[in-house]
Amino acid sequence: MSEESQRLRVVTDQDVVRVRQLVRTVSVAVKLSLVDQTKLVTAASELARNTLVYGGGGEVEVTRVHNDRRAGIRIVFADQGPGIVDLDLALTDGYTTGGGLGLGLSGARRLVDEFAIDTEPGKGTTITIVKWCR
């Protein structure tokens, strides 16, 4: 799998906008369909905002990836925040700690092809998503 990465810090609302812009640019470059671009940008925006709001800020790494069959994008969101105490609950549709719609983690998971989360209370959270070209 070949890779080409870019990293962004996420410490302000403007950084969330920059993440969205970078994901859109890379999505076009790897030739994701317009629908898949929109899904990935939506998921990335939600997860970048979670990194800022719940994780206290962190880093996002956007990587162009290729396997034997196709191109895609892997995005890793990492923070050193409080972690997620009850991951099953946090991944439940409708669950929210912020007064929103509760579609954050579960919604982001539905919008991508691969979704992995590594979290531990007091140690932070890392979420990795991948979207492949069809």
N, C-alpha and C. Protein backbone atom coordinates (compact mmCIF):
# COMPACT_ATOMS: atom_id res chain seq x y z
N MET A 1 0.85 -1.18 0.00
CA MET A 1 0.00 0.00 0.00
C MET A 1 0.90 1.24 0.00
N SER A 2 0.78 2.07 -1.01
CA SER A 2 1.58 3.30 -1.06
C SER A 2 0.83 4.43 -0.35
N GLU A 3 1.60 5.39 0.17
CA GLU A 3 0.96 6.43 0.97
C GLU A 3 1.59 7.80 0.73
N GLU A 4 0.77 8.81 0.84
CA GLU A 4 1.19 10.21 0.76
C GLU A 4 0.33 10.96 1.75
N SER A 5 0.93 11.54 2.82
CA SER A 5 0.17 12.09 3.95
C SER A 5 0.33 13.59 4.12
N GLN A 6 -0.70 14.18 4.74
CA GLN A 6 -0.64 15.56 5.21
C GLN A 6 -1.24 15.58 6.60
N ARG A 7 -0.63 16.37 7.49
CA ARG A 7 -1.11 16.49 8.87
C ARG A 7 -1.58 17.91 9.14
N LEU A 8 -2.64 18.00 9.91
CA LEU A 8 -3.15 19.30 10.36
C LEU A 8 -3.42 19.23 11.86
N ARG A 9 -3.08 20.30 12.56
CA ARG A 9 -3.47 20.42 13.96
C ARG A 9 -4.93 20.89 14.00
N VAL A 10 -5.66 20.45 14.99
CA VAL A 10 -7.04 20.88 15.18
C VAL A 10 -7.16 21.47 16.58
N VAL A 11 -7.09 22.81 16.62
CA VAL A 11 -7.18 23.50 17.91
C VAL A 11 -8.18 24.66 17.88
N THR A 12 -8.72 24.98 16.70
CA THR A 12 -9.72 26.05 16.57
C THR A 12 -10.80 25.62 15.57
N ASP A 13 -11.89 26.37 15.56
CA ASP A 13 -12.95 26.10 14.58
C ASP A 13 -12.42 26.23 13.15
N GLN A 14 -11.53 27.18 12.93
CA GLN A 14 -10.96 27.36 11.60
C GLN A 14 -10.18 26.13 11.15
N ASP A 15 -9.57 25.42 12.10
CA ASP A 15 -8.85 24.19 11.77
C ASP A 15 -9.80 23.11 11.26
N VAL A 16 -11.01 23.07 11.82
CA VAL A 16 -12.02 22.12 11.35
C VAL A 16 -12.36 22.43 9.89
N VAL A 17 -12.47 23.70 9.56
CA VAL A 17 -12.72 24.11 8.17
C VAL A 17 -11.56 23.67 7.27
N ARG A 18 -10.33 23.85 7.75
CA ARG A 18 -9.16 23.43 6.97
C ARG A 18 -9.14 21.92 6.73
N VAL A 19 -9.56 21.15 7.73
CA VAL A 19 -9.64 19.69 7.55
C VAL A 19 -10.64 19.37 6.45
N ARG A 20 -11.81 19.99 6.50
CA ARG A 20 -12.83 19.76 5.45
C ARG A 20 -12.27 20.09 4.08
N GLN A 21 -11.58 21.23 3.95
CA GLN A 21 -11.03 21.65 2.66
C GLN A 21 -9.98 20.66 2.16
N LEU A 22 -9.10 20.20 3.05
CA LEU A 22 -8.07 19.24 2.66
C LEU A 22 -8.70 17.92 2.23
N VAL A 23 -9.68 17.44 2.98
CA VAL A 23 -10.34 16.18 2.62
C VAL A 23 -11.04 16.31 1.28
N ARG A 24 -11.67 17.43 1.02
CA ARG A 24 -12.32 17.65 -0.27
C ARG A 24 -11.28 17.62 -1.40
N THR A 25 -10.17 18.32 -1.21
CA THR A 25 -9.11 18.39 -2.23
C THR A 25 -8.54 17.00 -2.52
N VAL A 26 -8.25 16.25 -1.48
CA VAL A 26 -7.68 14.91 -1.68
C VAL A 26 -8.73 13.97 -2.27
N SER A 27 -9.98 14.13 -1.90
CA SER A 27 -11.06 13.30 -2.46
C SER A 27 -11.17 13.48 -3.97
N VAL A 28 -11.05 14.71 -4.42
CA VAL A 28 -11.08 15.00 -5.85
C VAL A 28 -9.85 14.38 -6.53
N ALA A 29 -8.69 14.52 -5.89
CA ALA A 29 -7.44 14.02 -6.47
C ALA A 29 -7.44 12.50 -6.65
N VAL A 30 -8.07 11.77 -5.72
CA VAL A 30 -8.10 10.31 -5.87
C VAL A 30 -9.31 9.85 -6.67
N LYS A 31 -10.11 10.83 -7.13
CA LYS A 31 -11.25 10.57 -8.01
C LYS A 31 -12.41 9.83 -7.33
N LEU A 32 -12.68 10.20 -6.07
CA LEU A 32 -13.91 9.71 -5.45
C LEU A 32 -15.09 10.32 -6.19
N SER A 33 -16.19 9.60 -6.25
CA SER A 33 -17.41 10.16 -6.84
C SER A 33 -17.87 11.35 -6.00
N LEU A 34 -18.70 12.20 -6.57
CA LEU A 34 -19.21 13.36 -5.84
C LEU A 34 -19.96 12.93 -4.58
N VAL A 35 -20.74 11.86 -4.68
CA VAL A 35 -21.48 11.35 -3.52
C VAL A 35 -20.50 10.90 -2.43
N ASP A 36 -19.47 10.16 -2.82
CA ASP A 36 -18.49 9.67 -1.84
C ASP A 36 -17.64 10.81 -1.28
N GLN A 37 -17.36 11.83 -2.09
CA GLN A 37 -16.67 13.02 -1.58
C GLN A 37 -17.49 13.65 -0.47
N THR A 38 -18.78 13.81 -0.73
CA THR A 38 -19.66 14.45 0.25
C THR A 38 -19.75 13.63 1.52
N LYS A 39 -19.87 12.31 1.39
CA LYS A 39 -19.92 11.44 2.57
C LYS A 39 -18.64 11.56 3.39
N LEU A 40 -17.49 11.54 2.72
CA LEU A 40 -16.23 11.59 3.43
C LEU A 40 -16.00 12.94 4.09
N VAL A 41 -16.32 14.02 3.38
CA VAL A 41 -16.16 15.36 3.96
C VAL A 41 -17.09 15.51 5.17
N THR A 42 -18.28 14.99 5.09
CA THR A 42 -19.23 15.07 6.21
C THR A 42 -18.69 14.31 7.42
N ALA A 43 -18.22 13.08 7.20
CA ALA A 43 -17.67 12.28 8.29
C ALA A 43 -16.45 12.97 8.89
N ALA A 44 -15.56 13.46 8.02
CA ALA A 44 -14.33 14.12 8.50
C ALA A 44 -14.65 15.38 9.30
N SER A 45 -15.63 16.13 8.85
CA SER A 45 -16.02 17.35 9.55
C SER A 45 -16.53 17.02 10.95
N GLU A 46 -17.38 16.01 11.04
CA GLU A 46 -17.93 15.60 12.33
C GLU A 46 -16.82 15.12 13.27
N LEU A 47 -15.92 14.30 12.74
CA LEU A 47 -14.86 13.75 13.59
C LEU A 47 -13.83 14.80 13.98
N ALA A 48 -13.54 15.73 13.08
CA ALA A 48 -12.63 16.83 13.41
C ALA A 48 -13.25 17.71 14.51
N ARG A 49 -14.55 17.96 14.40
CA ARG A 49 -15.23 18.75 15.43
C ARG A 49 -15.19 18.02 16.76
N ASN A 50 -15.41 16.70 16.76
CA ASN A 50 -15.33 15.91 18.00
C ASN A 50 -13.92 15.99 18.59
N THR A 51 -12.91 15.94 17.73
CA THR A 51 -11.52 16.05 18.19
C THR A 51 -11.32 17.36 18.93
N LEU A 52 -11.89 18.43 18.40
CA LEU A 52 -11.77 19.76 19.01
C LEU A 52 -12.60 19.87 20.29
N VAL A 53 -13.88 19.54 20.19
CA VAL A 53 -14.82 19.79 21.29
C VAL A 53 -14.64 18.81 22.44
N TYR A 54 -14.58 17.52 22.13
CA TYR A 54 -14.53 16.50 23.19
C TYR A 54 -13.11 16.08 23.54
N GLY A 55 -12.19 16.19 22.58
CA GLY A 55 -10.81 15.79 22.83
C GLY A 55 -9.90 16.93 23.22
N GLY A 56 -10.44 18.15 23.18
CA GLY A 56 -9.62 19.30 23.53
C GLY A 56 -8.62 19.69 22.47
N GLY A 57 -8.83 19.22 21.25
CA GLY A 57 -7.90 19.49 20.16
C GLY A 57 -7.02 18.27 19.91
N GLY A 58 -6.37 18.28 18.77
CA GLY A 58 -5.53 17.14 18.43
C GLY A 58 -4.95 17.30 17.05
N GLU A 59 -4.82 16.17 16.36
CA GLU A 59 -4.20 16.17 15.04
C GLU A 59 -4.99 15.27 14.10
N VAL A 60 -4.99 15.67 12.83
CA VAL A 60 -5.63 14.89 11.78
C VAL A 60 -4.58 14.60 10.72
N GLU A 61 -4.50 13.34 10.32
CA GLU A 61 -3.60 12.94 9.25
C GLU A 61 -4.43 12.39 8.09
N VAL A 62 -4.28 13.01 6.92
CA VAL A 62 -5.01 12.62 5.72
C VAL A 62 -4.00 11.97 4.78
N THR A 63 -4.29 10.72 4.39
CA THR A 63 -3.34 9.95 3.60
C THR A 63 -4.01 9.38 2.36
N ARG A 64 -3.37 9.62 1.22
CA ARG A 64 -3.79 8.94 -0.02
C ARG A 64 -3.25 7.52 0.05
N VAL A 65 -4.11 6.54 -0.12
CA VAL A 65 -3.68 5.15 -0.05
C VAL A 65 -4.09 4.42 -1.33
N HIS A 66 -3.35 3.39 -1.63
CA HIS A 66 -3.63 2.54 -2.79
C HIS A 66 -3.38 1.10 -2.38
N ASN A 67 -4.29 0.23 -2.75
CA ASN A 67 -4.01 -1.19 -2.59
C ASN A 67 -3.91 -1.79 -4.00
N ASP A 68 -3.96 -3.06 -4.11
CA ASP A 68 -3.80 -3.68 -5.44
C ASP A 68 -4.93 -3.34 -6.40
N ARG A 69 -6.09 -2.96 -5.87
CA ARG A 69 -7.26 -2.78 -6.73
C ARG A 69 -7.70 -1.33 -6.92
N ARG A 70 -7.46 -0.48 -5.94
CA ARG A 70 -8.05 0.86 -6.02
C ARG A 70 -7.35 1.87 -5.13
N ALA A 71 -7.73 3.12 -5.34
CA ALA A 71 -7.21 4.23 -4.53
C ALA A 71 -8.23 4.58 -3.47
N GLY A 72 -7.76 5.27 -2.45
CA GLY A 72 -8.66 5.71 -1.40
C GLY A 72 -7.99 6.73 -0.50
N ILE A 73 -8.68 7.06 0.57
CA ILE A 73 -8.19 8.04 1.55
C ILE A 73 -8.36 7.44 2.94
N ARG A 74 -7.29 7.53 3.72
CA ARG A 74 -7.35 7.15 5.14
C ARG A 74 -7.17 8.43 5.94
N ILE A 75 -8.03 8.62 6.93
CA ILE A 75 -7.93 9.80 7.79
C ILE A 75 -7.88 9.32 9.23
N VAL A 76 -6.88 9.82 9.97
CA VAL A 76 -6.72 9.46 11.37
C VAL A 76 -6.91 10.73 12.21
N PHE A 77 -7.81 10.66 13.16
CA PHE A 77 -8.11 11.75 14.10
C PHE A 77 -7.58 11.32 15.46
N ALA A 78 -6.66 12.09 16.04
CA ALA A 78 -6.07 11.69 17.32
C ALA A 78 -6.10 12.85 18.31
N ASP A 79 -6.48 12.55 19.54
CA ASP A 79 -6.45 13.55 20.60
C ASP A 79 -5.93 12.90 21.88
N GLN A 80 -5.57 13.74 22.82
CA GLN A 80 -5.10 13.27 24.13
C GLN A 80 -6.13 13.65 25.20
N GLY A 81 -7.40 13.70 24.79
CA GLY A 81 -8.47 14.12 25.70
C GLY A 81 -8.85 13.06 26.70
N PRO A 82 -10.06 13.17 27.24
CA PRO A 82 -10.49 12.27 28.32
C PRO A 82 -10.82 10.85 27.86
N GLY A 83 -10.86 10.60 26.55
CA GLY A 83 -11.26 9.28 26.08
C GLY A 83 -12.77 9.10 26.18
N ILE A 84 -13.23 7.96 25.73
CA ILE A 84 -14.66 7.65 25.73
C ILE A 84 -14.89 6.54 26.74
N VAL A 85 -15.67 6.83 27.77
CA VAL A 85 -15.88 5.87 28.86
C VAL A 85 -16.70 4.67 28.38
N ASP A 86 -17.83 4.92 27.70
CA ASP A 86 -18.70 3.84 27.24
C ASP A 86 -18.81 3.91 25.72
N LEU A 87 -17.91 3.19 25.05
CA LEU A 87 -17.84 3.26 23.59
C LEU A 87 -19.12 2.75 22.94
N ASP A 88 -19.68 1.66 23.43
CA ASP A 88 -20.92 1.13 22.85
C ASP A 88 -22.03 2.17 22.90
N LEU A 89 -22.14 2.86 24.02
CA LEU A 89 -23.15 3.91 24.15
C LEU A 89 -22.86 5.06 23.19
N ALA A 90 -21.59 5.46 23.10
CA ALA A 90 -21.20 6.58 22.23
C ALA A 90 -21.48 6.27 20.76
N LEU A 91 -21.46 4.99 20.38
CA LEU A 91 -21.71 4.60 18.99
C LEU A 91 -23.19 4.32 18.72
N THR A 92 -24.04 4.55 19.70
CA THR A 92 -25.48 4.32 19.55
C THR A 92 -26.13 5.53 18.89
N ASP A 93 -26.95 5.28 17.86
CA ASP A 93 -27.68 6.37 17.21
C ASP A 93 -28.50 7.11 18.25
N GLY A 94 -28.45 8.44 18.19
CA GLY A 94 -29.25 9.26 19.09
C GLY A 94 -28.55 9.65 20.37
N TYR A 95 -27.42 8.99 20.68
CA TYR A 95 -26.71 9.34 21.91
C TYR A 95 -25.90 10.61 21.69
N THR A 96 -26.01 11.54 22.62
CA THR A 96 -25.23 12.76 22.54
C THR A 96 -24.87 13.24 23.93
N THR A 97 -23.68 13.82 24.06
CA THR A 97 -23.32 14.48 25.31
C THR A 97 -23.30 15.98 25.11
N GLY A 98 -23.50 16.42 23.86
CA GLY A 98 -23.37 17.83 23.56
C GLY A 98 -24.65 18.53 23.18
N GLY A 99 -25.77 17.86 23.32
CA GLY A 99 -27.04 18.48 23.00
C GLY A 99 -27.35 18.51 21.51
N GLY A 100 -26.54 17.81 20.70
CA GLY A 100 -26.78 17.76 19.25
C GLY A 100 -27.75 16.65 18.91
N LEU A 101 -27.72 16.23 17.65
CA LEU A 101 -28.63 15.19 17.17
C LEU A 101 -28.17 13.79 17.55
N GLY A 102 -26.93 13.64 18.01
CA GLY A 102 -26.46 12.32 18.39
C GLY A 102 -26.14 11.44 17.20
N LEU A 103 -25.75 12.04 16.09
CA LEU A 103 -25.42 11.27 14.89
C LEU A 103 -23.92 11.26 14.60
N GLY A 104 -23.13 11.82 15.50
CA GLY A 104 -21.69 11.98 15.28
C GLY A 104 -20.94 10.72 14.94
N LEU A 105 -20.59 9.92 15.94
CA LEU A 105 -19.77 8.73 15.71
C LEU A 105 -20.51 7.69 14.87
N SER A 106 -21.76 7.41 15.22
CA SER A 106 -22.50 6.39 14.47
C SER A 106 -22.76 6.84 13.04
N GLY A 107 -23.06 8.12 12.86
CA GLY A 107 -23.28 8.64 11.51
C GLY A 107 -22.02 8.61 10.68
N ALA A 108 -20.89 9.03 11.28
CA ALA A 108 -19.61 8.99 10.57
C ALA A 108 -19.26 7.56 10.17
N ARG A 109 -19.52 6.62 11.05
CA ARG A 109 -19.22 5.21 10.76
C ARG A 109 -20.00 4.72 9.54
N ARG A 110 -21.25 5.15 9.41
CA ARG A 110 -22.07 4.71 8.27
C ARG A 110 -21.63 5.33 6.95
N LEU A 111 -20.95 6.47 7.00
CA LEU A 111 -20.58 7.20 5.79
C LEU A 111 -19.29 6.73 5.14
N VAL A 112 -18.52 5.86 5.82
CA VAL A 112 -17.21 5.44 5.31
C VAL A 112 -17.17 3.93 5.12
N ASP A 113 -16.12 3.47 4.45
CA ASP A 113 -15.98 2.03 4.19
C ASP A 113 -15.33 1.29 5.35
N GLU A 114 -14.42 1.95 6.06
CA GLU A 114 -13.76 1.34 7.20
C GLU A 114 -13.75 2.36 8.34
N PHE A 115 -13.97 1.87 9.56
CA PHE A 115 -14.04 2.72 10.74
C PHE A 115 -13.45 1.95 11.91
N ALA A 116 -12.44 2.53 12.55
CA ALA A 116 -11.84 1.89 13.73
C ALA A 116 -11.64 2.96 14.78
N ILE A 117 -11.87 2.58 16.03
CA ILE A 117 -11.71 3.53 17.12
C ILE A 117 -10.91 2.88 18.24
N ASP A 118 -9.96 3.63 18.74
CA ASP A 118 -9.13 3.19 19.86
C ASP A 118 -9.23 4.28 20.92
N THR A 119 -9.80 3.94 22.05
CA THR A 119 -10.00 4.94 23.09
C THR A 119 -9.83 4.30 24.45
N GLU A 120 -9.35 5.11 25.37
CA GLU A 120 -9.20 4.65 26.74
C GLU A 120 -9.42 5.85 27.64
N PRO A 121 -10.29 5.72 28.64
CA PRO A 121 -10.53 6.85 29.54
C PRO A 121 -9.21 7.38 30.11
N GLY A 122 -9.04 8.69 30.00
CA GLY A 122 -7.85 9.35 30.50
C GLY A 122 -6.66 9.32 29.55
N LYS A 123 -6.78 8.63 28.42
CA LYS A 123 -5.64 8.48 27.51
C LYS A 123 -5.90 9.01 26.11
N GLY A 124 -7.12 9.47 25.83
CA GLY A 124 -7.41 10.02 24.51
C GLY A 124 -8.09 9.03 23.58
N THR A 125 -8.29 9.50 22.36
CA THR A 125 -9.03 8.72 21.36
C THR A 125 -8.35 8.87 20.01
N THR A 126 -8.28 7.76 19.29
CA THR A 126 -7.82 7.77 17.90
C THR A 126 -8.88 7.08 17.07
N ILE A 127 -9.35 7.77 16.04
CA ILE A 127 -10.33 7.20 15.12
C ILE A 127 -9.72 7.19 13.73
N THR A 128 -9.81 6.04 13.06
CA THR A 128 -9.29 5.89 11.71
C THR A 128 -10.44 5.54 10.79
N ILE A 129 -10.58 6.31 9.71
CA ILE A 129 -11.61 6.02 8.70
C ILE A 129 -10.94 5.88 7.34
N VAL A 130 -11.57 5.09 6.46
CA VAL A 130 -11.08 4.91 5.10
C VAL A 130 -12.27 4.95 4.16
N LYS A 131 -12.09 5.63 3.04
CA LYS A 131 -13.08 5.62 1.96
C LYS A 131 -12.34 5.22 0.69
N TRP A 132 -12.85 4.20 0.01
CA TRP A 132 -12.24 3.67 -1.21
C TRP A 132 -13.02 4.13 -2.44
N CYS A 133 -12.30 4.33 -3.53
CA CYS A 133 -12.95 4.61 -4.82
C CYS A 133 -13.73 3.37 -5.23
N ARG A 134 -14.86 3.59 -5.84
CA ARG A 134 -15.70 2.47 -6.29
C ARG A 134 -15.29 2.03 -7.67
